[in-house]
Amino acid sequence: MPAPLFEYVAWFRDETLPPEDQDYEWPGIIYIRTHTLESARAWGDHLAQTCLDRFLWSSVEPYLEVPPAGQPVAIDGEELTASQIGW
């Protein structure tokens, strides 16, 4: 049986844009297979550091459905590039 799935949302800031721009702060979503919420957050935060924009904060929730088509899924410990993730 595969490990549980978690939805990880990281918020970023593009400091090259003015604060009033709608893309100044933006969310990035990935799905992570791991055994605990804490390990999903830790691995997601690690991957979020690959983004060129400034990482602000993150949230994690258990995800009980199939991830949406095209959304990246990482296994705990699996390195993904920013381009593979889409941020």
C-alpha atoms as a PDB file:
ATOM      1  CA  MET A   1       0.000   0.000   0.000  1.00  0.00           C
ATOM      2  CA  PRO A   2       1.450   3.383  -0.957  1.00  0.00           C
ATOM      3  CA  ALA A   3       2.133   6.072   1.627  1.00  0.00           C
ATOM      4  CA  PRO A   4      -0.608   8.615   2.291  1.00  0.00           C
ATOM      5  CA  LEU A   5      -0.860  11.639   0.027  1.00  0.00           C
ATOM      6  CA  PHE A   6      -0.663  15.247   1.232  1.00  0.00           C
ATOM      7  CA  GLU A   7      -1.445  18.492  -0.548  1.00  0.00           C
ATOM      8  CA  TYR A   8       1.376  20.970   0.023  1.00  0.00           C
ATOM      9  CA  VAL A   9       0.835  24.664  -0.715  1.00  0.00           C
ATOM     10  CA  ALA A  10       3.768  27.082  -0.648  1.00  0.00           C
ATOM     11  CA  TRP A  11       3.370  30.849  -0.916  1.00  0.00           C
ATOM     12  CA  PHE A  12       5.985  32.852  -2.739  1.00  0.00           C
ATOM     13  CA  ARG A  13       6.721  36.519  -3.391  1.00  0.00           C
ATOM     14  CA  ASP A  14       8.055  37.819  -6.691  1.00  0.00           C
ATOM     15  CA  GLU A  15       9.968  40.838  -5.440  1.00  0.00           C
ATOM     16  CA  THR A  16      10.598  42.048  -9.005  1.00  0.00           C
ATOM     17  CA  LEU A  17       6.909  43.039  -9.167  1.00  0.00           C
ATOM     18  CA  PRO A  18       5.218  45.938  -7.377  1.00  0.00           C
ATOM     19  CA  PRO A  19       3.191  44.925  -4.286  1.00  0.00           C
ATOM     20  CA  GLU A  20      -0.089  45.888  -5.957  1.00  0.00           C
ATOM     21  CA  ASP A  21       0.483  43.406  -8.816  1.00  0.00           C
ATOM     22  CA  GLN A  22      -1.780  40.343  -8.530  1.00  0.00           C
ATOM     23  CA  ASP A  23       1.230  38.055  -9.097  1.00  0.00           C
ATOM     24  CA  TYR A  24       3.364  39.681  -6.372  1.00  0.00           C
ATOM     25  CA  GLU A  25       2.429  36.826  -4.010  1.00  0.00           C
ATOM     26  CA  TRP A  26       1.367  33.501  -5.449  1.00  0.00           C
ATOM     27  CA  PRO A  27       0.760  29.881  -4.347  1.00  0.00           C
ATOM     28  CA  GLY A  28       2.459  26.767  -5.668  1.00  0.00           C
ATOM     29  CA  ILE A  29       0.823  23.375  -5.104  1.00  0.00           C
ATOM     30  CA  ILE A  30       2.391  19.934  -5.157  1.00  0.00           C
ATOM     31  CA  TYR A  31       1.360  16.574  -3.739  1.00  0.00           C
ATOM     32  CA  ILE A  32       3.696  14.572  -1.530  1.00  0.00           C
ATOM     33  CA  ARG A  33       3.535  10.873  -0.632  1.00  0.00           C
ATOM     34  CA  THR A  34       4.889  10.305   2.850  1.00  0.00           C
ATOM     35  CA  HIS A  35       3.784   8.909   6.195  1.00  0.00           C
ATOM     36  CA  THR A  36       3.189  12.061   8.267  1.00  0.00           C
ATOM     37  CA  LEU A  37       2.011  15.611   7.849  1.00  0.00           C
ATOM     38  CA  GLU A  38       5.269  16.814   9.407  1.00  0.00           C
ATOM     39  CA  SER A  39       7.411  14.950   6.875  1.00  0.00           C
ATOM     40  CA  ALA A  40       5.247  16.283   4.023  1.00  0.00           C
ATOM     41  CA  ARG A  41       5.818  19.852   5.237  1.00  0.00           C
ATOM     42  CA  ALA A  42       9.546  19.315   5.716  1.00  0.00           C
ATOM     43  CA  TRP A  43       9.999  17.833   2.240  1.00  0.00           C
ATOM     44  CA  GLY A  44       7.741  20.431   0.624  1.00  0.00           C
ATOM     45  CA  ASP A  45       9.645  23.253   2.322  1.00  0.00           C
ATOM     46  CA  HIS A  46      12.885  21.724   1.051  1.00  0.00           C
ATOM     47  CA  LEU A  47      11.531  21.642  -2.505  1.00  0.00           C
ATOM     48  CA  ALA A  48      10.143  25.184  -2.176  1.00  0.00           C
ATOM     49  CA  GLN A  49      13.704  26.429  -1.748  1.00  0.00           C
ATOM     50  CA  THR A  50      14.304  25.574  -5.437  1.00  0.00           C
ATOM     51  CA  CYS A  51      11.991  28.402  -6.509  1.00  0.00           C
ATOM     52  CA  LEU A  52      13.695  31.636  -7.547  1.00  0.00           C
ATOM     53  CA  ASP A  53      10.969  33.703  -5.867  1.00  0.00           C
ATOM     54  CA  ARG A  54      11.058  34.265  -2.120  1.00  0.00           C
ATOM     55  CA  PHE A  55       9.456  31.439  -0.098  1.00  0.00           C
ATOM     56  CA  LEU A  56       7.075  32.892   2.512  1.00  0.00           C
ATOM     57  CA  TRP A  57       5.168  30.058   4.225  1.00  0.00           C
ATOM     58  CA  SER A  58       3.439  26.756   3.608  1.00  0.00           C
ATOM     59  CA  SER A  59       0.459  24.658   4.587  1.00  0.00           C
ATOM     60  CA  VAL A  60      -0.172  20.926   4.357  1.00  0.00           C
ATOM     61  CA  GLU A  61      -3.357  18.859   4.450  1.00  0.00           C
ATOM     62  CA  PRO A  62      -4.094  15.174   3.946  1.00  0.00           C
ATOM     63  CA  TYR A  63      -5.414  14.566   0.422  1.00  0.00           C
ATOM     64  CA  LEU A  64      -7.735  11.599   0.023  1.00  0.00           C
ATOM     65  CA  GLU A  65      -8.405  11.800  -3.713  1.00  0.00           C
ATOM     66  CA  VAL A  66      -6.355  11.294  -6.869  1.00  0.00           C
ATOM     67  CA  PRO A  67      -4.219  14.384  -7.555  1.00  0.00           C
ATOM     68  CA  PRO A  68      -5.486  16.570 -10.402  1.00  0.00           C
ATOM     69  CA  ALA A  69      -4.050  15.629 -13.791  1.00  0.00           C
ATOM     70  CA  GLY A  70      -0.757  17.324 -14.495  1.00  0.00           C
ATOM     71  CA  GLN A  71      -0.019  18.222 -10.874  1.00  0.00           C
ATOM     72  CA  PRO A  72       3.399  17.129  -9.624  1.00  0.00           C
ATOM     73  CA  VAL A  73       3.581  14.309  -7.089  1.00  0.00           C
ATOM     74  CA  ALA A  74       6.777  13.775  -5.107  1.00  0.00           C
ATOM     75  CA  ILE A  75       7.671  10.857  -2.900  1.00  0.00           C
ATOM     76  CA  ASP A  76       9.320  11.896   0.370  1.00  0.00           C
ATOM     77  CA  GLY A  77      13.009  12.334  -0.391  1.00  0.00           C
ATOM     78  CA  GLU A  78      12.551  12.583  -4.180  1.00  0.00           C
ATOM     79  CA  GLU A  79      14.318  15.619  -5.600  1.00  0.00           C
ATOM     80  CA  LEU A  80      12.304  17.498  -8.199  1.00  0.00           C
ATOM     81  CA  THR A  81      13.551  20.539 -10.076  1.00  0.00           C
ATOM     82  CA  ALA A  82      11.656  23.817 -10.045  1.00  0.00           C
ATOM     83  CA  SER A  83      10.725  23.242 -13.679  1.00  0.00           C
ATOM     84  CA  GLN A  84       9.366  19.748 -12.907  1.00  0.00           C
ATOM     85  CA  ILE A  85       7.263  21.259 -10.122  1.00  0.00           C
ATOM     86  CA  GLY A  86       6.189  24.266 -12.154  1.00  0.00           C
ATOM     87  CA  TRP A  87       7.473  27.075  -9.993  1.00  0.00           C
END
